Amino acid sequence: GELLLEWQGLAEELDIMIVAGYAELDPSGTVFNSAVIVDATGVLAHYRKVHLWDFENELFTAGEELPPVIDTKFGRIGLLICYDLEFPEWVRTLALRGTELLCAPVNWPLYPRPEGERPTEVVKVQASASVNRMAIAACDRSGEDRGQLWVGGSTIVDADGYPLALAKLGAPGSCPAALNIND
């Protein structure tokens, strides 16, 4: 569709790959929580979220396919969406198929946590990376939308589970700026 063509054009213009999630309406009228990997040539991988969270099943239909793993100029990239990361066996399927970098668009709702603690979602990403010996990049929503606050916990962790980059968790409603761990 139009959105994917726009992403393809942007990928070509900037010589990048784009991993992004979107609400997909398929030709039968079914709506999926989907994600793609796009480069200048078009869609390289497509995935429909299998593990729907909370009331998502009222809006979306669950996907039925294993998450994709593709060979790229950057290495073997796997693709999951948000709550799929909570299922160790699902993440493991990607590791067993040689994933070097797992990319996951996520929407992590902000819930209370002890002062100074990282969001549990970020900790789980670190653990999954370490256990499965692959880097993970999770790109999280931030700010507020229709009364829901979001963690803003975007992070990239290496295969040992150590953060290479993470978002500064700002005040509710703010858009965090990227923080390089080495800074």
N, C-alpha and C. Protein backbone atom coordinates (compact mmCIF):
# COMPACT_ATOMS: atom_id res chain seq x y z
N GLY A 1 0.80 -1.18 0.00
CA GLY A 1 0.00 0.00 0.00
C GLY A 1 0.85 1.26 0.00
N GLU A 2 0.17 2.36 0.11
CA GLU A 2 0.80 3.68 0.06
C GLU A 2 1.87 3.86 1.14
N LEU A 3 1.58 3.44 2.37
CA LEU A 3 2.52 3.59 3.47
C LEU A 3 3.82 2.82 3.20
N LEU A 4 3.69 1.58 2.75
CA LEU A 4 4.88 0.77 2.50
C LEU A 4 5.69 1.33 1.33
N LEU A 5 5.03 1.88 0.35
CA LEU A 5 5.74 2.53 -0.76
C LEU A 5 6.48 3.77 -0.27
N GLU A 6 5.87 4.50 0.65
CA GLU A 6 6.52 5.67 1.23
C GLU A 6 7.78 5.25 2.00
N TRP A 7 7.66 4.18 2.79
CA TRP A 7 8.83 3.68 3.52
C TRP A 7 9.91 3.20 2.58
N GLN A 8 9.51 2.55 1.48
CA GLN A 8 10.48 2.09 0.49
C GLN A 8 11.23 3.29 -0.11
N GLY A 9 10.51 4.34 -0.44
CA GLY A 9 11.13 5.55 -0.98
C GLY A 9 12.09 6.19 0.00
N LEU A 10 11.71 6.22 1.26
CA LEU A 10 12.57 6.78 2.30
C LEU A 10 13.83 5.92 2.48
N ALA A 11 13.66 4.62 2.44
CA ALA A 11 14.80 3.71 2.57
C ALA A 11 15.77 3.91 1.41
N GLU A 12 15.22 4.11 0.22
CA GLU A 12 16.08 4.34 -0.96
C GLU A 12 16.80 5.68 -0.84
N GLU A 13 16.06 6.71 -0.46
CA GLU A 13 16.63 8.05 -0.34
C GLU A 13 17.77 8.11 0.68
N LEU A 14 17.59 7.43 1.81
CA LEU A 14 18.56 7.51 2.89
C LEU A 14 19.53 6.32 2.94
N ASP A 15 19.35 5.36 2.03
CA ASP A 15 20.17 4.14 1.98
C ASP A 15 20.14 3.43 3.33
N ILE A 16 18.92 3.13 3.79
CA ILE A 16 18.72 2.47 5.08
C ILE A 16 17.72 1.33 4.94
N MET A 17 17.58 0.56 6.01
CA MET A 17 16.49 -0.40 6.15
C MET A 17 15.56 0.14 7.22
N ILE A 18 14.28 -0.05 7.02
CA ILE A 18 13.28 0.41 7.98
C ILE A 18 12.55 -0.81 8.53
N VAL A 19 12.45 -0.86 9.86
CA VAL A 19 11.63 -1.86 10.54
C VAL A 19 10.53 -1.09 11.23
N ALA A 20 9.29 -1.40 10.91
CA ALA A 20 8.19 -0.62 11.48
C ALA A 20 6.93 -1.46 11.59
N GLY A 21 6.12 -1.11 12.56
CA GLY A 21 4.84 -1.77 12.75
C GLY A 21 3.70 -0.92 12.22
N TYR A 22 2.61 -1.58 11.91
CA TYR A 22 1.43 -0.88 11.39
C TYR A 22 0.21 -1.77 11.52
N ALA A 23 -0.96 -1.18 11.48
CA ALA A 23 -2.21 -1.94 11.45
C ALA A 23 -2.49 -2.30 9.99
N GLU A 24 -2.52 -3.60 9.73
CA GLU A 24 -2.68 -4.09 8.35
C GLU A 24 -4.12 -4.55 8.11
N LEU A 25 -4.75 -4.00 7.10
CA LEU A 25 -6.06 -4.46 6.65
C LEU A 25 -5.84 -5.29 5.41
N ASP A 26 -6.06 -6.61 5.51
CA ASP A 26 -5.82 -7.44 4.34
C ASP A 26 -7.04 -7.42 3.42
N PRO A 27 -6.92 -7.95 2.21
CA PRO A 27 -8.03 -7.87 1.24
C PRO A 27 -9.34 -8.48 1.71
N SER A 28 -9.28 -9.44 2.66
CA SER A 28 -10.52 -10.06 3.15
C SER A 28 -11.23 -9.20 4.20
N GLY A 29 -10.57 -8.08 4.61
CA GLY A 29 -11.15 -7.22 5.63
C GLY A 29 -10.66 -7.54 7.03
N THR A 30 -9.73 -8.46 7.15
CA THR A 30 -9.17 -8.83 8.45
C THR A 30 -8.07 -7.85 8.82
N VAL A 31 -8.03 -7.46 10.10
CA VAL A 31 -7.03 -6.51 10.57
C VAL A 31 -6.00 -7.25 11.43
N PHE A 32 -4.72 -7.02 11.14
CA PHE A 32 -3.62 -7.64 11.85
C PHE A 32 -2.71 -6.56 12.43
N ASN A 33 -2.07 -6.86 13.55
CA ASN A 33 -0.99 -6.03 14.08
C ASN A 33 0.26 -6.56 13.38
N SER A 34 0.80 -5.82 12.44
CA SER A 34 1.85 -6.31 11.56
C SER A 34 3.10 -5.45 11.62
N ALA A 35 4.19 -6.02 11.12
CA ALA A 35 5.45 -5.29 11.01
C ALA A 35 6.16 -5.74 9.75
N VAL A 36 7.02 -4.86 9.24
CA VAL A 36 7.76 -5.15 8.02
C VAL A 36 9.21 -4.71 8.17
N ILE A 37 10.05 -5.31 7.35
CA ILE A 37 11.40 -4.81 7.12
C ILE A 37 11.43 -4.39 5.66
N VAL A 38 11.79 -3.12 5.44
CA VAL A 38 11.73 -2.53 4.10
C VAL A 38 13.09 -1.93 3.76
N ASP A 39 13.52 -2.12 2.51
CA ASP A 39 14.68 -1.38 2.01
C ASP A 39 14.32 -0.77 0.67
N ALA A 40 15.31 -0.30 -0.06
CA ALA A 40 15.06 0.39 -1.33
C ALA A 40 14.38 -0.51 -2.37
N THR A 41 14.49 -1.82 -2.22
CA THR A 41 13.88 -2.74 -3.17
C THR A 41 12.44 -3.09 -2.83
N GLY A 42 12.01 -2.76 -1.60
CA GLY A 42 10.65 -3.08 -1.18
C GLY A 42 10.62 -3.83 0.13
N VAL A 43 9.53 -4.54 0.37
CA VAL A 43 9.34 -5.29 1.61
C VAL A 43 10.19 -6.56 1.57
N LEU A 44 11.10 -6.69 2.54
CA LEU A 44 11.96 -7.87 2.63
C LEU A 44 11.35 -8.94 3.53
N ALA A 45 10.60 -8.51 4.54
CA ALA A 45 9.96 -9.45 5.46
C ALA A 45 8.68 -8.81 5.99
N HIS A 46 7.72 -9.67 6.27
CA HIS A 46 6.42 -9.26 6.78
C HIS A 46 6.05 -10.22 7.89
N TYR A 47 5.48 -9.69 8.98
CA TYR A 47 5.11 -10.53 10.11
C TYR A 47 3.82 -10.02 10.73
N ARG A 48 2.96 -10.96 11.10
CA ARG A 48 1.72 -10.65 11.81
C ARG A 48 1.84 -11.16 13.25
N LYS A 49 1.65 -10.26 14.20
CA LYS A 49 1.79 -10.59 15.62
C LYS A 49 0.93 -11.79 15.99
N VAL A 50 1.54 -12.76 16.65
CA VAL A 50 0.85 -13.98 17.05
C VAL A 50 0.25 -13.87 18.45
N HIS A 51 1.00 -13.30 19.38
CA HIS A 51 0.55 -13.23 20.77
C HIS A 51 -0.08 -11.86 21.03
N LEU A 52 -1.40 -11.82 21.00
CA LEU A 52 -2.12 -10.57 21.22
C LEU A 52 -2.26 -10.32 22.72
N TRP A 53 -2.09 -9.06 23.12
CA TRP A 53 -2.08 -8.70 24.53
C TRP A 53 -3.38 -8.00 24.92
N ASP A 54 -3.88 -8.33 26.09
CA ASP A 54 -5.02 -7.66 26.70
C ASP A 54 -6.20 -7.63 25.73
N PHE A 55 -6.68 -6.45 25.37
CA PHE A 55 -7.87 -6.36 24.52
C PHE A 55 -7.53 -6.29 23.03
N GLU A 56 -6.28 -6.54 22.65
CA GLU A 56 -5.92 -6.50 21.23
C GLU A 56 -6.77 -7.44 20.39
N ASN A 57 -7.20 -8.56 20.99
CA ASN A 57 -8.00 -9.51 20.21
C ASN A 57 -9.37 -8.94 19.83
N GLU A 58 -9.75 -7.81 20.43
CA GLU A 58 -10.98 -7.14 20.03
C GLU A 58 -10.78 -6.31 18.76
N LEU A 59 -9.50 -6.01 18.45
CA LEU A 59 -9.17 -5.17 17.30
C LEU A 59 -8.49 -5.95 16.17
N PHE A 60 -7.66 -6.91 16.57
CA PHE A 60 -6.81 -7.60 15.61
C PHE A 60 -7.07 -9.10 15.61
N THR A 61 -6.70 -9.73 14.51
CA THR A 61 -6.67 -11.18 14.40
C THR A 61 -5.22 -11.61 14.58
N ALA A 62 -5.00 -12.67 15.34
CA ALA A 62 -3.64 -13.16 15.56
C ALA A 62 -3.07 -13.76 14.28
N GLY A 63 -1.79 -13.52 14.05
CA GLY A 63 -1.10 -14.16 12.95
C GLY A 63 -0.88 -15.63 13.26
N GLU A 64 -0.48 -16.39 12.25
CA GLU A 64 -0.31 -17.83 12.42
C GLU A 64 1.06 -18.34 11.98
N GLU A 65 1.91 -17.46 11.48
CA GLU A 65 3.20 -17.88 10.94
C GLU A 65 4.33 -17.64 11.92
N LEU A 66 5.40 -18.43 11.80
CA LEU A 66 6.61 -18.17 12.56
C LEU A 66 7.18 -16.82 12.17
N PRO A 67 7.87 -16.16 13.08
CA PRO A 67 8.49 -14.87 12.73
C PRO A 67 9.58 -15.08 11.68
N PRO A 68 9.73 -14.13 10.77
CA PRO A 68 10.72 -14.28 9.70
C PRO A 68 12.15 -14.00 10.17
N VAL A 69 13.09 -14.63 9.49
CA VAL A 69 14.51 -14.36 9.62
C VAL A 69 15.02 -14.19 8.20
N ILE A 70 15.70 -13.05 7.94
CA ILE A 70 16.18 -12.79 6.58
C ILE A 70 17.66 -12.44 6.59
N ASP A 71 18.31 -12.75 5.48
CA ASP A 71 19.70 -12.35 5.29
C ASP A 71 19.72 -10.97 4.65
N THR A 72 20.50 -10.08 5.26
CA THR A 72 20.63 -8.72 4.74
C THR A 72 22.11 -8.35 4.71
N LYS A 73 22.42 -7.19 4.16
CA LYS A 73 23.80 -6.72 4.16
C LYS A 73 24.30 -6.42 5.56
N PHE A 74 23.38 -6.36 6.53
CA PHE A 74 23.73 -6.10 7.92
C PHE A 74 23.79 -7.39 8.75
N GLY A 75 23.51 -8.53 8.15
CA GLY A 75 23.47 -9.80 8.85
C GLY A 75 22.08 -10.40 8.84
N ARG A 76 21.88 -11.45 9.64
CA ARG A 76 20.58 -12.13 9.71
C ARG A 76 19.68 -11.41 10.71
N ILE A 77 18.57 -10.90 10.20
CA ILE A 77 17.65 -10.11 11.02
C ILE A 77 16.34 -10.87 11.19
N GLY A 78 15.88 -10.93 12.45
CA GLY A 78 14.58 -11.51 12.78
C GLY A 78 13.61 -10.41 13.17
N LEU A 79 12.33 -10.72 13.14
CA LEU A 79 11.29 -9.71 13.37
C LEU A 79 10.20 -10.26 14.29
N LEU A 80 9.91 -9.54 15.36
CA LEU A 80 8.80 -9.83 16.27
C LEU A 80 8.07 -8.53 16.57
N ILE A 81 6.93 -8.64 17.23
CA ILE A 81 6.18 -7.46 17.63
C ILE A 81 5.86 -7.55 19.12
N CYS A 82 6.26 -6.56 19.86
CA CYS A 82 5.87 -6.28 21.24
C CYS A 82 5.70 -7.50 22.13
N TYR A 83 4.48 -7.88 22.45
CA TYR A 83 4.18 -8.93 23.42
C TYR A 83 4.78 -10.27 23.02
N ASP A 84 5.06 -10.48 21.73
CA ASP A 84 5.73 -11.71 21.30
C ASP A 84 7.06 -11.90 22.04
N LEU A 85 7.71 -10.79 22.43
CA LEU A 85 8.97 -10.86 23.16
C LEU A 85 8.83 -11.50 24.53
N GLU A 86 7.61 -11.55 25.06
CA GLU A 86 7.36 -12.09 26.40
C GLU A 86 7.37 -13.62 26.42
N PHE A 87 7.43 -14.24 25.27
CA PHE A 87 7.37 -15.70 25.17
C PHE A 87 8.74 -16.23 24.79
N PRO A 88 9.49 -16.76 25.78
CA PRO A 88 10.87 -17.19 25.53
C PRO A 88 11.00 -18.17 24.37
N GLU A 89 10.03 -19.08 24.24
CA GLU A 89 10.13 -20.06 23.16
C GLU A 89 9.97 -19.41 21.79
N TRP A 90 9.24 -18.31 21.73
CA TRP A 90 9.05 -17.61 20.46
C TRP A 90 10.34 -16.89 20.06
N VAL A 91 10.97 -16.25 21.02
CA VAL A 91 12.26 -15.60 20.77
C VAL A 91 13.30 -16.66 20.39
N ARG A 92 13.25 -17.80 21.07
CA ARG A 92 14.21 -18.88 20.82
C ARG A 92 14.11 -19.40 19.39
N THR A 93 12.89 -19.43 18.81
CA THR A 93 12.76 -19.90 17.43
C THR A 93 13.61 -19.06 16.48
N LEU A 94 13.72 -17.78 16.78
CA LEU A 94 14.55 -16.90 15.94
C LEU A 94 16.04 -17.19 16.15
N ALA A 95 16.43 -17.39 17.40
CA ALA A 95 17.83 -17.69 17.70
C ALA A 95 18.26 -18.99 17.02
N LEU A 96 17.42 -20.00 17.09
CA LEU A 96 17.76 -21.29 16.50
C LEU A 96 17.86 -21.24 14.98
N ARG A 97 17.29 -20.20 14.38
CA ARG A 97 17.37 -20.03 12.93
C ARG A 97 18.45 -19.04 12.54
N GLY A 98 19.35 -18.73 13.47
CA GLY A 98 20.54 -17.94 13.15
C GLY A 98 20.38 -16.44 13.20
N THR A 99 19.36 -15.94 13.87
CA THR A 99 19.18 -14.49 13.97
C THR A 99 20.37 -13.86 14.70
N GLU A 100 20.91 -12.80 14.11
CA GLU A 100 21.98 -12.04 14.75
C GLU A 100 21.44 -10.77 15.41
N LEU A 101 20.40 -10.20 14.80
CA LEU A 101 19.74 -9.01 15.33
C LEU A 101 18.24 -9.22 15.25
N LEU A 102 17.60 -9.18 16.39
CA LEU A 102 16.14 -9.26 16.45
C LEU A 102 15.59 -7.85 16.57
N CYS A 103 14.73 -7.46 15.64
CA CYS A 103 14.11 -6.14 15.66
C CYS A 103 12.65 -6.30 16.09
N ALA A 104 12.22 -5.42 17.01
CA ALA A 104 10.87 -5.53 17.53
C ALA A 104 10.26 -4.15 17.76
N PRO A 105 9.32 -3.74 16.91
CA PRO A 105 8.53 -2.55 17.25
C PRO A 105 7.63 -2.92 18.42
N VAL A 106 7.57 -2.03 19.43
CA VAL A 106 6.80 -2.32 20.64
C VAL A 106 6.00 -1.10 21.08
N ASN A 107 4.93 -1.36 21.81
CA ASN A 107 4.15 -0.33 22.51
C ASN A 107 4.01 -0.80 23.95
N TRP A 108 4.91 -0.34 24.81
CA TRP A 108 4.90 -0.77 26.21
C TRP A 108 4.16 0.25 27.05
N PRO A 109 2.97 -0.11 27.57
CA PRO A 109 2.23 0.81 28.43
C PRO A 109 3.01 1.11 29.71
N LEU A 110 2.93 2.34 30.17
CA LEU A 110 3.62 2.75 31.39
C LEU A 110 2.79 2.36 32.60
N TYR A 111 3.40 1.57 33.47
CA TYR A 111 2.79 1.18 34.73
C TYR A 111 3.73 1.58 35.87
N PRO A 112 3.21 1.74 37.08
CA PRO A 112 4.07 2.12 38.21
C PRO A 112 5.19 1.10 38.42
N ARG A 113 6.36 1.62 38.80
CA ARG A 113 7.50 0.77 39.14
C ARG A 113 8.29 1.48 40.22
N PRO A 114 9.10 0.76 40.96
CA PRO A 114 9.89 1.40 42.01
C PRO A 114 10.80 2.49 41.44
N GLU A 115 10.98 3.54 42.21
CA GLU A 115 11.82 4.67 41.81
C GLU A 115 13.20 4.18 41.39
N GLY A 116 13.66 4.64 40.24
CA GLY A 116 15.00 4.32 39.76
C GLY A 116 15.12 3.00 39.02
N GLU A 117 14.07 2.21 38.99
CA GLU A 117 14.13 0.91 38.30
C GLU A 117 13.84 1.06 36.81
N ARG A 118 14.55 0.27 36.02
CA ARG A 118 14.26 0.22 34.60
C ARG A 118 12.94 -0.53 34.39
N PRO A 119 12.25 -0.25 33.30
CA PRO A 119 11.02 -1.00 33.01
C PRO A 119 11.34 -2.49 32.86
N THR A 120 10.46 -3.34 33.36
CA THR A 120 10.70 -4.78 33.26
C THR A 120 10.81 -5.23 31.81
N GLU A 121 10.13 -4.54 30.90
CA GLU A 121 10.21 -4.91 29.49
C GLU A 121 11.64 -4.79 28.98
N VAL A 122 12.35 -3.74 29.40
CA VAL A 122 13.74 -3.54 28.99
C VAL A 122 14.62 -4.63 29.59
N VAL A 123 14.39 -4.96 30.85
CA VAL A 123 15.15 -6.02 31.51
C VAL A 123 14.94 -7.35 30.79
N LYS A 124 13.70 -7.64 30.40
CA LYS A 124 13.41 -8.88 29.67
C LYS A 124 14.12 -8.92 28.32
N VAL A 125 14.20 -7.79 27.64
CA VAL A 125 14.93 -7.74 26.38
C VAL A 125 16.40 -8.07 26.62
N GLN A 126 16.98 -7.51 27.67
CA GLN A 126 18.38 -7.79 28.00
C GLN A 126 18.57 -9.28 28.28
N ALA A 127 17.68 -9.86 29.05
CA ALA A 127 17.79 -11.28 29.38
C ALA A 127 17.64 -12.15 28.13
N SER A 128 16.67 -11.82 27.29
CA SER A 128 16.46 -12.60 26.06
C SER A 128 17.67 -12.55 25.15
N ALA A 129 18.29 -11.38 25.04
CA ALA A 129 19.49 -11.25 24.21
C ALA A 129 20.61 -12.13 24.75
N SER A 130 20.84 -12.07 26.05
CA SER A 130 21.91 -12.84 26.67
C SER A 130 21.68 -14.34 26.56
N VAL A 131 20.49 -14.79 26.86
CA VAL A 131 20.17 -16.21 26.83
C VAL A 131 20.26 -16.76 25.41
N ASN A 132 19.86 -15.97 24.44
CA ASN A 132 19.81 -16.44 23.05
C ASN A 132 21.01 -16.04 22.20
N ARG A 133 21.95 -15.27 22.80
CA ARG A 133 23.18 -14.88 22.13
C ARG A 133 22.92 -14.14 20.81
N MET A 134 22.03 -13.14 20.88
CA MET A 134 21.77 -12.30 19.72
C MET A 134 21.43 -10.89 20.20
N ALA A 135 21.77 -9.92 19.39
CA ALA A 135 21.41 -8.53 19.69
C ALA A 135 19.91 -8.34 19.49
N ILE A 136 19.35 -7.43 20.27
CA ILE A 136 17.92 -7.10 20.13
C ILE A 136 17.76 -5.59 20.11
N ALA A 137 16.98 -5.11 19.15
CA ALA A 137 16.61 -3.70 19.07
C ALA A 137 15.10 -3.60 19.23
N ALA A 138 14.66 -2.95 20.30
CA ALA A 138 13.24 -2.74 20.54
C ALA A 138 12.97 -1.24 20.44
N CYS A 139 12.07 -0.87 19.58
CA CYS A 139 11.73 0.54 19.39
C CYS A 139 10.35 0.78 19.99
N ASP A 140 10.32 1.53 21.09
CA ASP A 140 9.11 1.72 21.87
C ASP A 140 8.44 3.06 21.61
N ARG A 141 7.17 3.07 21.80
CA ARG A 141 6.36 4.28 21.73
C ARG A 141 6.63 5.13 22.97
N SER A 142 6.47 6.43 22.87
CA SER A 142 6.66 7.30 24.03
C SER A 142 5.55 8.34 24.08
N GLY A 143 5.49 9.01 25.20
CA GLY A 143 4.50 10.07 25.37
C GLY A 143 3.16 9.51 25.79
N GLU A 144 2.09 10.19 25.36
CA GLU A 144 0.73 9.82 25.73
C GLU A 144 -0.15 9.82 24.49
N ASP A 145 -1.04 8.84 24.42
CA ASP A 145 -1.99 8.77 23.33
C ASP A 145 -3.32 8.30 23.89
N ARG A 146 -4.36 9.10 23.72
CA ARG A 146 -5.71 8.79 24.18
C ARG A 146 -5.74 8.36 25.64
N GLY A 147 -4.98 9.07 26.46
CA GLY A 147 -4.99 8.82 27.89
C GLY A 147 -4.03 7.74 28.36
N GLN A 148 -3.37 7.05 27.45
CA GLN A 148 -2.42 6.00 27.82
C GLN A 148 -1.00 6.55 27.74
N LEU A 149 -0.26 6.43 28.85
CA LEU A 149 1.15 6.79 28.84
C LEU A 149 1.97 5.59 28.40
N TRP A 150 3.07 5.87 27.69
CA TRP A 150 3.94 4.81 27.16
C TRP A 150 5.32 4.91 27.81
N VAL A 151 5.98 3.77 27.96
CA VAL A 151 7.28 3.69 28.63
C VAL A 151 8.33 4.55 27.92
N GLY A 152 8.38 4.52 26.60
CA GLY A 152 9.45 5.20 25.88
C GLY A 152 10.78 4.50 26.12
N GLY A 153 10.75 3.16 26.19
CA GLY A 153 11.92 2.38 26.56
C GLY A 153 12.70 1.80 25.41
N SER A 154 12.79 2.51 24.29
CA SER A 154 13.56 2.00 23.16
C SER A 154 14.97 1.65 23.60
N THR A 155 15.46 0.50 23.14
CA THR A 155 16.79 0.05 23.53
C THR A 155 17.40 -0.84 22.47
N ILE A 156 18.70 -0.84 22.41
CA ILE A 156 19.46 -1.80 21.61
C ILE A 156 20.44 -2.45 22.56
N VAL A 157 20.39 -3.79 22.63
CA VAL A 157 21.30 -4.52 23.51
C VAL A 157 22.12 -5.50 22.68
N ASP A 158 23.34 -5.76 23.15
CA ASP A 158 24.21 -6.69 22.43
C ASP A 158 23.89 -8.13 22.84
N ALA A 159 24.62 -9.08 22.26
CA ALA A 159 24.36 -10.49 22.49
C ALA A 159 24.70 -10.93 23.92
N ASP A 160 25.34 -10.07 24.69
CA ASP A 160 25.56 -10.35 26.11
C ASP A 160 24.45 -9.76 26.97
N GLY A 161 23.54 -9.00 26.35
CA GLY A 161 22.45 -8.38 27.07
C GLY A 161 22.74 -6.99 27.58
N TYR A 162 23.93 -6.47 27.24
CA TYR A 162 24.29 -5.13 27.71
C TYR A 162 23.76 -4.06 26.77
N PRO A 163 23.18 -2.99 27.32
CA PRO A 163 22.66 -1.92 26.45
C PRO A 163 23.77 -1.22 25.68
N LEU A 164 23.56 -1.08 24.39
CA LEU A 164 24.43 -0.28 23.53
C LEU A 164 23.86 1.13 23.40
N ALA A 165 22.54 1.21 23.42
CA ALA A 165 21.84 2.50 23.34
C ALA A 165 20.47 2.30 23.97
N LEU A 166 19.95 3.35 24.60
CA LEU A 166 18.60 3.30 25.12
C LEU A 166 18.04 4.70 25.14
N ALA A 167 16.71 4.76 25.23
CA ALA A 167 16.05 6.05 25.28
C ALA A 167 16.11 6.59 26.70
N LYS A 168 16.27 7.90 26.82
CA LYS A 168 16.13 8.53 28.14
C LYS A 168 14.66 8.48 28.48
N LEU A 169 14.36 7.90 29.61
CA LEU A 169 12.97 7.84 30.04
C LEU A 169 12.61 9.19 30.63
N GLY A 170 11.85 9.97 29.88
CA GLY A 170 11.53 11.33 30.30
C GLY A 170 10.26 11.38 31.12
N ALA A 171 9.84 12.57 31.40
CA ALA A 171 8.60 12.79 32.13
C ALA A 171 7.44 12.32 31.28
N PRO A 172 6.36 11.85 31.92
CA PRO A 172 5.19 11.43 31.15
C PRO A 172 4.77 12.50 30.14
N GLY A 173 4.51 12.03 28.94
CA GLY A 173 4.07 12.93 27.87
C GLY A 173 5.21 13.52 27.07
N SER A 174 6.45 13.31 27.52
CA SER A 174 7.57 13.85 26.76
C SER A 174 8.08 12.81 25.78
N CYS A 175 8.80 13.25 24.82
CA CYS A 175 9.41 12.35 23.85
C CYS A 175 10.88 12.24 24.21
N PRO A 176 11.32 11.05 24.69
CA PRO A 176 12.70 10.93 25.13
C PRO A 176 13.70 11.05 23.99
N ALA A 177 14.83 11.62 24.31
CA ALA A 177 15.93 11.72 23.33
C ALA A 177 16.79 10.49 23.47
N ALA A 178 17.45 10.11 22.38
CA ALA A 178 18.32 8.94 22.42
C ALA A 178 19.52 9.20 23.30
N LEU A 179 19.95 8.19 23.98
CA LEU A 179 21.13 8.29 24.85
C LEU A 179 22.08 7.18 24.44
N ASN A 180 23.27 7.53 24.06
CA ASN A 180 24.28 6.52 23.77
C ASN A 180 24.93 6.16 25.09
N ILE A 181 24.95 4.87 25.39
CA ILE A 181 25.49 4.39 26.65
C ILE A 181 26.94 4.82 26.83
N ASN A 182 27.66 4.99 25.73
CA ASN A 182 29.08 5.37 25.82
C ASN A 182 29.28 6.84 26.12
N ASP A 183 28.24 7.64 26.07
CA ASP A 183 28.36 9.08 26.36
C ASP A 183 28.44 9.34 27.84
